[in-house]
C-alpha atoms as a PDB file:
ATOM      1  CA  UNK A   1      26.156 -16.524  -3.677  1.00  0.00           C
ATOM      2  CA  UNK A   2      22.910 -17.292  -1.117  1.00  0.00           C
ATOM      3  CA  UNK A   3      22.202 -14.032   0.837  1.00  0.00           C
ATOM      4  CA  UNK A   4      20.115 -13.726   3.951  1.00  0.00           C
ATOM      5  CA  UNK A   5      16.342 -13.020   3.456  1.00  0.00           C
ATOM      6  CA  UNK A   6      14.720  -9.958   5.012  1.00  0.00           C
ATOM      7  CA  UNK A   7      11.082  -8.223   5.049  1.00  0.00           C
ATOM      8  CA  UNK A   8       9.306  -5.902   5.750  1.00  0.00           C
ATOM      9  CA  UNK A   9       5.560  -4.819   5.921  1.00  0.00           C
ATOM     10  CA  UNK A  10       3.161  -1.741   6.974  1.00  0.00           C
ATOM     11  CA  UNK A  11      -0.650  -1.495   8.065  1.00  0.00           C
ATOM     12  CA  UNK A  12      -0.930   2.055   7.001  1.00  0.00           C
ATOM     13  CA  UNK A  13      -0.080   5.012   9.136  1.00  0.00           C
ATOM     14  CA  UNK A  14      -2.222   8.040  10.828  1.00  0.00           C
ATOM     15  CA  UNK A  15      -3.537   9.186  13.991  1.00  0.00           C
ATOM     16  CA  UNK A  16      -2.920   7.281  16.661  1.00  0.00           C
ATOM     17  CA  UNK A  17      -6.224   4.465  17.663  1.00  0.00           C
ATOM     18  CA  UNK A  18      -6.356   3.151  20.973  1.00  0.00           C
ATOM     19  CA  UNK A  19      -4.382   0.936  22.703  1.00  0.00           C
ATOM     20  CA  UNK A  20      -6.023  -2.299  21.606  1.00  0.00           C
ATOM     21  CA  UNK A  21      -6.870  -1.064  18.058  1.00  0.00           C
ATOM     22  CA  UNK A  22      -3.096  -0.239  17.910  1.00  0.00           C
ATOM     23  CA  UNK A  23      -1.987  -3.829  19.028  1.00  0.00           C
ATOM     24  CA  UNK A  24      -4.946  -5.356  16.430  1.00  0.00           C
ATOM     25  CA  UNK A  25      -3.217  -3.342  14.129  1.00  0.00           C
ATOM     26  CA  UNK A  26       0.323  -4.743  14.847  1.00  0.00           C
ATOM     27  CA  UNK A  27      -0.736  -8.525  15.493  1.00  0.00           C
ATOM     28  CA  UNK A  28      -2.187  -8.194  11.842  1.00  0.00           C
ATOM     29  CA  UNK A  29       1.918  -6.998  10.396  1.00  0.00           C
ATOM     30  CA  UNK A  30       3.151  -9.834  12.492  1.00  0.00           C
ATOM     31  CA  UNK A  31       0.946 -12.164  10.814  1.00  0.00           C
ATOM     32  CA  UNK A  32       1.280 -10.923   7.540  1.00  0.00           C
ATOM     33  CA  UNK A  33       5.300 -11.421   7.849  1.00  0.00           C
ATOM     34  CA  UNK A  34       4.733 -14.139   9.087  1.00  0.00           C
ATOM     35  CA  UNK A  35       3.243 -15.256   5.912  1.00  0.00           C
ATOM     36  CA  UNK A  36       5.845 -13.680   3.618  1.00  0.00           C
ATOM     37  CA  UNK A  37       8.873 -15.091   5.842  1.00  0.00           C
ATOM     38  CA  UNK A  38       7.552 -18.811   4.902  1.00  0.00           C
ATOM     39  CA  UNK A  39       7.928 -17.830   1.163  1.00  0.00           C
ATOM     40  CA  UNK A  40      11.735 -15.966   1.838  1.00  0.00           C
ATOM     41  CA  UNK A  41      12.546 -19.141   4.727  1.00  0.00           C
ATOM     42  CA  UNK A  42      11.507 -21.918   1.815  1.00  0.00           C
ATOM     43  CA  UNK A  43      14.211 -20.729  -1.265  1.00  0.00           C
ATOM     44  CA  UNK A  44      11.288 -18.390  -2.826  1.00  0.00           C
ATOM     45  CA  UNK A  45      11.268 -15.053  -4.453  1.00  0.00           C
ATOM     46  CA  UNK A  46      10.926 -11.930  -2.752  1.00  0.00           C
ATOM     47  CA  UNK A  47       7.827 -11.286  -5.551  1.00  0.00           C
ATOM     48  CA  UNK A  48       6.051 -14.304  -4.003  1.00  0.00           C
ATOM     49  CA  UNK A  49       6.301 -13.542  -0.668  1.00  0.00           C
ATOM     50  CA  UNK A  50       5.560 -10.099  -0.993  1.00  0.00           C
ATOM     51  CA  UNK A  51       1.990 -11.169  -2.230  1.00  0.00           C
ATOM     52  CA  UNK A  52       1.852 -13.889   0.568  1.00  0.00           C
ATOM     53  CA  UNK A  53       2.295 -10.669   2.795  1.00  0.00           C
ATOM     54  CA  UNK A  54      -0.451  -7.817   1.209  1.00  0.00           C
ATOM     55  CA  UNK A  55      -2.987 -10.924   0.566  1.00  0.00           C
ATOM     56  CA  UNK A  56      -2.651 -11.853   4.726  1.00  0.00           C
ATOM     57  CA  UNK A  57      -2.870  -7.952   4.759  1.00  0.00           C
ATOM     58  CA  UNK A  58      -5.739  -7.511   2.719  1.00  0.00           C
ATOM     59  CA  UNK A  59      -7.656  -9.849   4.810  1.00  0.00           C
ATOM     60  CA  UNK A  60      -7.661  -8.080   7.611  1.00  0.00           C
ATOM     61  CA  UNK A  61     -10.832  -6.426   8.199  1.00  0.00           C
ATOM     62  CA  UNK A  62      -9.415  -3.751  10.596  1.00  0.00           C
ATOM     63  CA  UNK A  63      -7.106  -2.576   8.146  1.00  0.00           C
ATOM     64  CA  UNK A  64      -7.820   0.114   4.804  1.00  0.00           C
ATOM     65  CA  UNK A  65      -7.197  -2.554   2.485  1.00  0.00           C
ATOM     66  CA  UNK A  66      -9.170  -5.119   0.626  1.00  0.00           C
ATOM     67  CA  UNK A  67     -11.616  -6.639   2.943  1.00  0.00           C
ATOM     68  CA  UNK A  68     -11.255  -4.079   5.137  1.00  0.00           C
ATOM     69  CA  UNK A  69     -11.531  -0.770   2.614  1.00  0.00           C
ATOM     70  CA  UNK A  70     -13.076   2.228   2.882  1.00  0.00           C
ATOM     71  CA  UNK A  71     -16.380   3.197   0.886  1.00  0.00           C
ATOM     72  CA  UNK A  72     -16.389   6.085  -1.135  1.00  0.00           C
ATOM     73  CA  UNK A  73     -19.265   8.391  -1.062  1.00  0.00           C
ATOM     74  CA  UNK A  74     -21.144   6.725  -3.165  1.00  0.00           C
ATOM     75  CA  UNK A  75     -20.988   3.640  -0.919  1.00  0.00           C
ATOM     76  CA  UNK A  76     -19.115   1.486  -2.746  1.00  0.00           C
ATOM     77  CA  UNK A  77     -15.518   0.222  -2.208  1.00  0.00           C
ATOM     78  CA  UNK A  78     -12.982   0.340  -4.890  1.00  0.00           C
ATOM     79  CA  UNK A  79      -9.470  -0.544  -4.157  1.00  0.00           C
ATOM     80  CA  UNK A  80      -5.915   0.147  -5.508  1.00  0.00           C
ATOM     81  CA  UNK A  81      -2.451  -2.182  -5.469  1.00  0.00           C
ATOM     82  CA  UNK A  82       0.560  -2.183  -7.149  1.00  0.00           C
ATOM     83  CA  UNK A  83       3.601  -4.656  -7.539  1.00  0.00           C
ATOM     84  CA  UNK A  84       7.295  -3.806  -8.765  1.00  0.00           C
ATOM     85  CA  UNK A  85      10.462  -5.972  -8.779  1.00  0.00           C
ATOM     86  CA  UNK A  86      13.854  -4.845  -8.586  1.00  0.00           C
ATOM     87  CA  UNK A  87      14.465  -6.313 -12.850  1.00  0.00           C
ATOM     88  CA  UNK A  88      11.600  -3.231 -13.366  1.00  0.00           C
ATOM     89  CA  UNK A  89       8.790  -5.012 -14.027  1.00  0.00           C
ATOM     90  CA  UNK A  90       5.305  -3.929 -12.597  1.00  0.00           C
ATOM     91  CA  UNK A  91       2.080  -4.499 -12.506  1.00  0.00           C
ATOM     92  CA  UNK A  92      -1.059  -2.005 -11.208  1.00  0.00           C
ATOM     93  CA  UNK A  93      -4.831  -2.189 -10.782  1.00  0.00           C
ATOM     94  CA  UNK A  94      -6.941   1.013 -10.061  1.00  0.00           C
ATOM     95  CA  UNK A  95     -10.518   1.311  -8.635  1.00  0.00           C
ATOM     96  CA  UNK A  96     -11.625  -2.414  -8.937  1.00  0.00           C
ATOM     97  CA  UNK A  97     -14.444  -3.301  -7.160  1.00  0.00           C
ATOM     98  CA  UNK A  98     -15.265  -6.668  -6.463  1.00  0.00           C
ATOM     99  CA  UNK A  99     -12.109  -8.828  -5.751  1.00  0.00           C
ATOM    100  CA  UNK A 100     -11.483  -9.792  -2.745  1.00  0.00           C
ATOM    101  CA  UNK A 101      -7.474  -9.418  -3.048  1.00  0.00           C
ATOM    102  CA  UNK A 102      -6.707  -6.657  -5.855  1.00  0.00           C
ATOM    103  CA  UNK A 103      -2.987  -7.319  -5.207  1.00  0.00           C
ATOM    104  CA  UNK A 104      -3.018 -10.779  -6.907  1.00  0.00           C
ATOM    105  CA  UNK A 105      -4.381  -9.120  -9.917  1.00  0.00           C
ATOM    106  CA  UNK A 106      -1.713  -6.865  -9.750  1.00  0.00           C
ATOM    107  CA  UNK A 107       0.458  -9.679 -10.104  1.00  0.00           C
ATOM    108  CA  UNK A 108      -1.647 -11.008 -12.876  1.00  0.00           C
ATOM    109  CA  UNK A 109      -0.596  -7.794 -14.776  1.00  0.00           C
ATOM    110  CA  UNK A 110       3.075  -7.687 -13.751  1.00  0.00           C
ATOM    111  CA  UNK A 111       3.298 -10.988 -15.015  1.00  0.00           C
ATOM    112  CA  UNK A 112       1.669 -11.141 -18.340  1.00  0.00           C
ATOM    113  CA  UNK A 113       4.834  -7.889 -19.131  1.00  0.00           C
ATOM    114  CA  UNK A 114       2.183  -6.267 -21.240  1.00  0.00           C
ATOM    115  CA  UNK A 115      -0.253  -3.396 -19.628  1.00  0.00           C
ATOM    116  CA  UNK A 116       1.365  -1.598 -16.250  1.00  0.00           C
ATOM    117  CA  UNK A 117      -2.020  -0.646 -14.977  1.00  0.00           C
ATOM    118  CA  UNK A 118      -5.715  -1.397 -15.562  1.00  0.00           C
ATOM    119  CA  UNK A 119      -9.159   0.087 -14.408  1.00  0.00           C
ATOM    120  CA  UNK A 120     -12.393   0.095 -12.525  1.00  0.00           C
ATOM    121  CA  UNK A 121     -14.839  -2.610 -13.954  1.00  0.00           C
ATOM    122  CA  UNK A 122     -12.885  -4.048 -16.419  1.00  0.00           C
ATOM    123  CA  UNK A 123     -10.562  -5.310 -13.927  1.00  0.00           C
ATOM    124  CA  UNK A 124     -12.262  -6.508 -12.162  1.00  0.00           C
ATOM    125  CA  UNK A 125     -14.051  -8.806 -15.128  1.00  0.00           C
ATOM    126  CA  UNK A 126     -10.612  -9.278 -15.906  1.00  0.00           C
ATOM    127  CA  UNK A 127     -10.069 -10.769 -12.118  1.00  0.00           C
ATOM    128  CA  UNK A 128     -13.247 -12.371 -12.163  1.00  0.00           C
ATOM    129  CA  UNK A 129     -12.231 -14.432 -15.717  1.00  0.00           C
ATOM    130  CA  UNK A 130      -8.514 -15.759 -14.553  1.00  0.00           C
ATOM    131  CA  UNK A 131     -10.761 -17.067 -10.988  1.00  0.00           C
ATOM    132  CA  UNK A 132      -9.749 -14.713  -8.652  1.00  0.00           C
ATOM    133  CA  UNK A 133     -12.596 -14.502  -5.726  1.00  0.00           C
ATOM    134  CA  UNK A 134     -15.289 -12.379  -5.810  1.00  0.00           C
ATOM    135  CA  UNK A 135     -16.000  -9.564  -2.592  1.00  0.00           C
ATOM    136  CA  UNK A 136     -17.549  -6.896  -1.441  1.00  0.00           C
ATOM    137  CA  UNK A 137     -15.770  -5.099   0.769  1.00  0.00           C
ATOM    138  CA  UNK A 138     -17.715  -2.895   3.101  1.00  0.00           C
ATOM    139  CA  UNK A 139     -17.326  -4.990   7.412  1.00  0.00           C
ATOM    140  CA  UNK A 140     -20.061  -3.525   9.398  1.00  0.00           C
ATOM    141  CA  UNK A 141     -17.503  -1.139  10.988  1.00  0.00           C
ATOM    142  CA  UNK A 142     -17.102   0.207   7.355  1.00  0.00           C
ATOM    143  CA  UNK A 143     -20.355   0.354   6.828  1.00  0.00           C
ATOM    144  CA  UNK A 144     -21.058   2.321   9.691  1.00  0.00           C
ATOM    145  CA  UNK A 145     -18.544   4.208   9.148  1.00  0.00           C
ATOM    146  CA  UNK A 146     -19.683   5.054   5.809  1.00  0.00           C
ATOM    147  CA  UNK A 147     -22.960   6.144   7.478  1.00  0.00           C
ATOM    148  CA  UNK A 148     -21.942   8.598  10.428  1.00  0.00           C
ATOM    149  CA  UNK A 149     -20.245  10.501   7.840  1.00  0.00           C
ATOM    150  CA  UNK A 150     -21.652  10.952   5.398  1.00  0.00           C
ATOM    151  CA  UNK A 151     -22.495  14.748   4.764  1.00  0.00           C
ATOM    152  CA  UNK A 152     -25.191  16.733   2.503  1.00  0.00           C
ATOM    153  CA  UNK A 153     -22.346  17.849  -0.079  1.00  0.00           C
ATOM    154  CA  UNK A 154     -21.406  13.476  -0.295  1.00  0.00           C
ATOM    155  CA  UNK A 155     -24.746  12.954  -0.565  1.00  0.00           C
ATOM    156  CA  UNK A 156     -25.084  15.261  -3.320  1.00  0.00           C
ATOM    157  CA  UNK A 157     -21.741  13.859  -4.500  1.00  0.00           C
ATOM    158  CA  UNK A 158     -21.193  18.049  -4.708  1.00  0.00           C
ATOM    159  CA  UNK A 159     -17.056  17.660  -5.591  1.00  0.00           C
ATOM    160  CA  UNK A 160     -16.183  21.517  -3.956  1.00  0.00           C
ATOM    161  CA  UNK A 161     -18.979  21.092  -1.321  1.00  0.00           C
ATOM    162  CA  UNK A 162     -16.762  17.720  -0.398  1.00  0.00           C
ATOM    163  CA  UNK A 163     -13.213  19.089  -0.317  1.00  0.00           C
ATOM    164  CA  UNK A 164     -13.392  20.660   2.697  1.00  0.00           C
ATOM    165  CA  UNK A 165     -14.863  18.335   3.996  1.00  0.00           C
ATOM    166  CA  UNK A 166     -12.128  15.156   3.262  1.00  0.00           C
ATOM    167  CA  UNK A 167      -9.740  17.725   4.067  1.00  0.00           C
ATOM    168  CA  UNK A 168     -10.334  17.996   7.926  1.00  0.00           C
ATOM    169  CA  UNK A 169     -10.731  13.622   7.301  1.00  0.00           C
ATOM    170  CA  UNK A 170      -8.944  11.034   9.742  1.00  0.00           C
ATOM    171  CA  UNK A 171      -6.835   8.659   7.874  1.00  0.00           C
ATOM    172  CA  UNK A 172      -5.747   5.283   8.842  1.00  0.00           C
ATOM    173  CA  UNK A 173      -4.763   3.091   5.983  1.00  0.00           C
ATOM    174  CA  UNK A 174      -3.182   1.230   3.187  1.00  0.00           C
ATOM    175  CA  UNK A 175      -0.405  -1.953   3.835  1.00  0.00           C
ATOM    176  CA  UNK A 176       2.636  -2.643   1.949  1.00  0.00           C
ATOM    177  CA  UNK A 177       5.414  -5.011   1.991  1.00  0.00           C
ATOM    178  CA  UNK A 178       9.360  -5.332   0.737  1.00  0.00           C
ATOM    179  CA  UNK A 179      10.940  -8.235   0.964  1.00  0.00           C
ATOM    180  CA  UNK A 180      14.916  -9.409  -0.523  1.00  0.00           C
ATOM    181  CA  UNK A 181      14.991 -13.123  -1.044  1.00  0.00           C
ATOM    182  CA  UNK A 182      18.250 -15.156  -1.030  1.00  0.00           C
ATOM    183  CA  UNK A 183      19.160 -14.452  -4.822  1.00  0.00           C
ATOM    184  CA  UNK A 184      19.472 -10.876  -3.844  1.00  0.00           C
ATOM    185  CA  UNK A 185      16.342 -10.079  -5.545  1.00  0.00           C
ATOM    186  CA  UNK A 186      13.950  -7.212  -4.327  1.00  0.00           C
ATOM    187  CA  UNK A 187      10.234  -6.564  -4.258  1.00  0.00           C
ATOM    188  CA  UNK A 188       7.816  -4.275  -3.866  1.00  0.00           C
ATOM    189  CA  UNK A 189       4.056  -3.411  -2.858  1.00  0.00           C
ATOM    190  CA  UNK A 190       0.979  -1.552  -1.506  1.00  0.00           C
ATOM    191  CA  UNK A 191      -2.851  -2.337  -1.388  1.00  0.00           C
ATOM    192  CA  UNK A 192      -4.982   0.345   0.134  1.00  0.00           C
ATOM    193  CA  UNK A 193      -9.005   1.105  -0.059  1.00  0.00           C
ATOM    194  CA  UNK A 194      -8.109   4.907  -0.637  1.00  0.00           C
ATOM    195  CA  UNK A 195     -10.019   7.702   1.818  1.00  0.00           C
ATOM    196  CA  UNK A 196     -12.934   7.411   3.618  1.00  0.00           C
ATOM    197  CA  UNK A 197     -15.852   9.146   1.770  1.00  0.00           C
ATOM    198  CA  UNK A 198     -14.099  10.083  -1.422  1.00  0.00           C
ATOM    199  CA  UNK A 199     -15.364  11.068  -4.513  1.00  0.00           C
ATOM    200  CA  UNK A 200     -16.345   7.949  -6.540  1.00  0.00           C
ATOM    201  CA  UNK A 201     -13.171   6.992  -8.740  1.00  0.00           C
ATOM    202  CA  UNK A 202     -10.997   8.711  -6.572  1.00  0.00           C
ATOM    203  CA  UNK A 203      -6.872   7.627  -7.076  1.00  0.00           C
ATOM    204  CA  UNK A 204      -4.208   8.394  -4.857  1.00  0.00           C
ATOM    205  CA  UNK A 205      -0.406   7.052  -4.760  1.00  0.00           C
ATOM    206  CA  UNK A 206      -1.041   3.770  -3.675  1.00  0.00           C
ATOM    207  CA  UNK A 207      -1.317   1.784  -7.319  1.00  0.00           C
ATOM    208  CA  UNK A 208       1.024   4.854  -8.918  1.00  0.00           C
ATOM    209  CA  UNK A 209       4.538   3.257  -9.455  1.00  0.00           C
ATOM    210  CA  UNK A 210       7.223   6.148  -8.387  1.00  0.00           C
ATOM    211  CA  UNK A 211       4.750   7.469  -5.353  1.00  0.00           C
ATOM    212  CA  UNK A 212       3.774   4.692  -3.906  1.00  0.00           C
ATOM    213  CA  UNK A 213       5.874   1.933  -4.927  1.00  0.00           C
ATOM    214  CA  UNK A 214       8.799   1.322  -6.143  1.00  0.00           C
ATOM    215  CA  UNK A 215      11.421  -0.784  -6.543  1.00  0.00           C
ATOM    216  CA  UNK A 216      15.087  -1.319  -8.350  1.00  0.00           C
ATOM    217  CA  UNK A 217      18.446  -3.714  -8.042  1.00  0.00           C
ATOM    218  CA  UNK A 218      19.445  -1.918  -5.170  1.00  0.00           C
ATOM    219  CA  UNK A 219      16.001  -0.594  -3.219  1.00  0.00           C
ATOM    220  CA  UNK A 220      12.145  -1.502  -2.328  1.00  0.00           C
ATOM    221  CA  UNK A 221      10.006   0.827  -1.140  1.00  0.00           C
ATOM    222  CA  UNK A 222       6.301   1.364  -0.156  1.00  0.00           C
ATOM    223  CA  UNK A 223       4.348   4.558   0.841  1.00  0.00           C
ATOM    224  CA  UNK A 224       1.562   5.490   3.142  1.00  0.00           C
ATOM    225  CA  UNK A 225      -0.262   8.630   3.904  1.00  0.00           C
ATOM    226  CA  UNK A 226      -2.327  10.979   2.046  1.00  0.00           C
ATOM    227  CA  UNK A 227      -2.168  10.236  -1.210  1.00  0.00           C
ATOM    228  CA  UNK A 228      -2.697  13.717  -3.453  1.00  0.00           C
ATOM    229  CA  UNK A 229       0.286  15.165  -1.353  1.00  0.00           C
ATOM    230  CA  UNK A 230       2.577  12.266  -1.750  1.00  0.00           C
ATOM    231  CA  UNK A 231       1.649  11.827  -5.561  1.00  0.00           C
ATOM    232  CA  UNK A 232       3.192  15.442  -6.148  1.00  0.00           C
ATOM    233  CA  UNK A 233       6.390  14.328  -4.821  1.00  0.00           C
ATOM    234  CA  UNK A 234       7.039  10.582  -6.102  1.00  0.00           C
ATOM    235  CA  UNK A 235       9.117   9.882  -2.920  1.00  0.00           C
ATOM    236  CA  UNK A 236       9.137   5.767  -3.579  1.00  0.00           C
ATOM    237  CA  UNK A 237      11.176   6.534  -6.574  1.00  0.00           C
ATOM    238  CA  UNK A 238      13.022   9.372  -5.467  1.00  0.00           C
ATOM    239  CA  UNK A 239      14.305   7.043  -2.358  1.00  0.00           C
ATOM    240  CA  UNK A 240      15.250   4.303  -4.978  1.00  0.00           C
ATOM    241  CA  UNK A 241      16.924   7.190  -7.068  1.00  0.00           C
ATOM    242  CA  UNK A 242      18.781   8.491  -3.874  1.00  0.00           C
ATOM    243  CA  UNK A 243      20.281   5.124  -3.175  1.00  0.00           C
ATOM    244  CA  UNK A 244      21.113   4.410  -6.622  1.00  0.00           C
ATOM    245  CA  UNK A 245      22.641   7.436  -7.871  1.00  0.00           C
ATOM    246  CA  UNK A 246      24.621   9.607  -5.061  1.00  0.00           C
ATOM    247  CA  UNK A 247      25.071   6.245  -2.603  1.00  0.00           C
ATOM    248  CA  UNK A 248      23.055   7.487  -0.151  1.00  0.00           C
ATOM    249  CA  UNK A 249      22.427   4.695   2.416  1.00  0.00           C
ATOM    250  CA  UNK A 250      19.088   4.081   2.720  1.00  0.00           C
ATOM    251  CA  UNK A 251      17.921   5.339   6.184  1.00  0.00           C
ATOM    252  CA  UNK A 252      18.729   8.703   5.267  1.00  0.00           C
ATOM    253  CA  UNK A 253      17.355   8.277   2.288  1.00  0.00           C
ATOM    254  CA  UNK A 254      13.995   7.479   3.731  1.00  0.00           C
ATOM    255  CA  UNK A 255      14.603  10.817   6.158  1.00  0.00           C
ATOM    256  CA  UNK A 256      15.165  12.963   3.123  1.00  0.00           C
ATOM    257  CA  UNK A 257      12.179  12.164   0.737  1.00  0.00           C
ATOM    258  CA  UNK A 258       9.811  12.080   3.735  1.00  0.00           C
ATOM    259  CA  UNK A 259      10.750  16.178   4.464  1.00  0.00           C
ATOM    260  CA  UNK A 260      10.498  16.764   1.423  1.00  0.00           C
ATOM    261  CA  UNK A 261       6.903  15.534   1.306  1.00  0.00           C
ATOM    262  CA  UNK A 262       6.430  17.170   4.948  1.00  0.00           C
ATOM    263  CA  UNK A 263       7.208  20.536   3.475  1.00  0.00           C
ATOM    264  CA  UNK A 264       3.977  20.025   1.221  1.00  0.00           C
ATOM    265  CA  UNK A 265       2.085  18.701   4.231  1.00  0.00           C
ATOM    266  CA  UNK A 266       3.202  17.992   7.360  1.00  0.00           C
ATOM    267  CA  UNK A 267       2.819  14.565   8.764  1.00  0.00           C
ATOM    268  CA  UNK A 268       1.151  12.956   5.862  1.00  0.00           C
ATOM    269  CA  UNK A 269       3.599  10.338   5.378  1.00  0.00           C
ATOM    270  CA  UNK A 270       5.203   7.452   6.302  1.00  0.00           C
ATOM    271  CA  UNK A 271       7.506   4.778   4.321  1.00  0.00           C
ATOM    272  CA  UNK A 272       9.107   1.471   4.774  1.00  0.00           C
ATOM    273  CA  UNK A 273      12.130   0.271   2.742  1.00  0.00           C
ATOM    274  CA  UNK A 274      14.952  -2.293   2.053  1.00  0.00           C
ATOM    275  CA  UNK A 275      17.808  -2.691  -0.037  1.00  0.00           C
ATOM    276  CA  UNK A 276      20.229  -5.277  -0.979  1.00  0.00           C
ATOM    277  CA  UNK A 277      22.103  -5.839   1.722  1.00  0.00           C
ATOM    278  CA  UNK A 278      19.475  -6.370   3.994  1.00  0.00           C
ATOM    279  CA  UNK A 279      19.010  -3.248   5.460  1.00  0.00           C
ATOM    280  CA  UNK A 280      15.652  -2.085   6.981  1.00  0.00           C
ATOM    281  CA  UNK A 281      13.638   0.697   7.501  1.00  0.00           C
ATOM    282  CA  UNK A 282      10.459   2.812   8.982  1.00  0.00           C
ATOM    283  CA  UNK A 283       9.469   6.361   9.428  1.00  0.00           C
ATOM    284  CA  UNK A 284       6.587   8.212   9.830  1.00  0.00           C
ATOM    285  CA  UNK A 285       6.138  11.730  10.800  1.00  0.00           C
ATOM    286  CA  UNK A 286       2.531  10.627  11.716  1.00  0.00           C
ATOM    287  CA  UNK A 287       1.406   9.312  15.254  1.00  0.00           C
ATOM    288  CA  UNK A 288       1.566   6.077  14.513  1.00  0.00           C
ATOM    289  CA  UNK A 289       2.882   3.575  11.722  1.00  0.00           C
ATOM    290  CA  UNK A 290       2.213  -0.791  11.969  1.00  0.00           C
ATOM    291  CA  UNK A 291       4.933  -2.224  11.262  1.00  0.00           C
ATOM    292  CA  UNK A 292       6.907  -5.858  11.394  1.00  0.00           C
ATOM    293  CA  UNK A 293       9.824  -7.018  10.190  1.00  0.00           C
ATOM    294  CA  UNK A 294      12.004 -10.005   9.407  1.00  0.00           C
ATOM    295  CA  UNK A 295      15.556 -10.811   9.171  1.00  0.00           C
END
């Protein structure tokens, strides 16, 4: 039975940016939604639509993923991405430098169905061997931000000294998409450049299945926000379990998991979610979240 497709994307959450910048972030989300919607309207799979949408988001310099990734304290961008389908297949890449679209490598891992997650330089080399486009994510604005905020503890890579600095840092980033195709298939994906000037190798929630991304036959989720808090609650899986096990509407499940995250750290998370009936939800406890959807 053919179903009506649906799609929702996000371009991150956080402190409200200036009005002009907010408009550009929303415009990038609209372009990503268009890219995924073309796939779905042609009868394509939800997984293909998610990948297409996230690639557009990764190519948007203003967003913190792919091209626009923030630099870690040592001046290198290391990116994370994950994908999952309603059938339970997943692929993720962690702390990968030097690739334009890490979501494409996450898709490669998913498609081969062996490992679920690969990391670092070895993941980068695999991406290059299979023909993915190399890149050195470092827009002039990101380099300038790194230079302007490079503290003395960060210069020394003094972990303890960096910790207090890091807790005060403003964040606005991570991108994601959830899609429902005409066959009733769901998929979700998330991609990020991480937290600016963090300790090299820091990993947040975005590539972690169950934390930043999760999908079942009934619902799919992509999270954004403070990764360290999201990791402790595994809200993406929790939301899907509330829908499956307790039969909650997806908007109610979303509110529950955001409240649980907020109990650890207020105003630190946001999400997009989509259920098998085409029900869309975007919810955030932060000042701002960039979202676009298609139904």
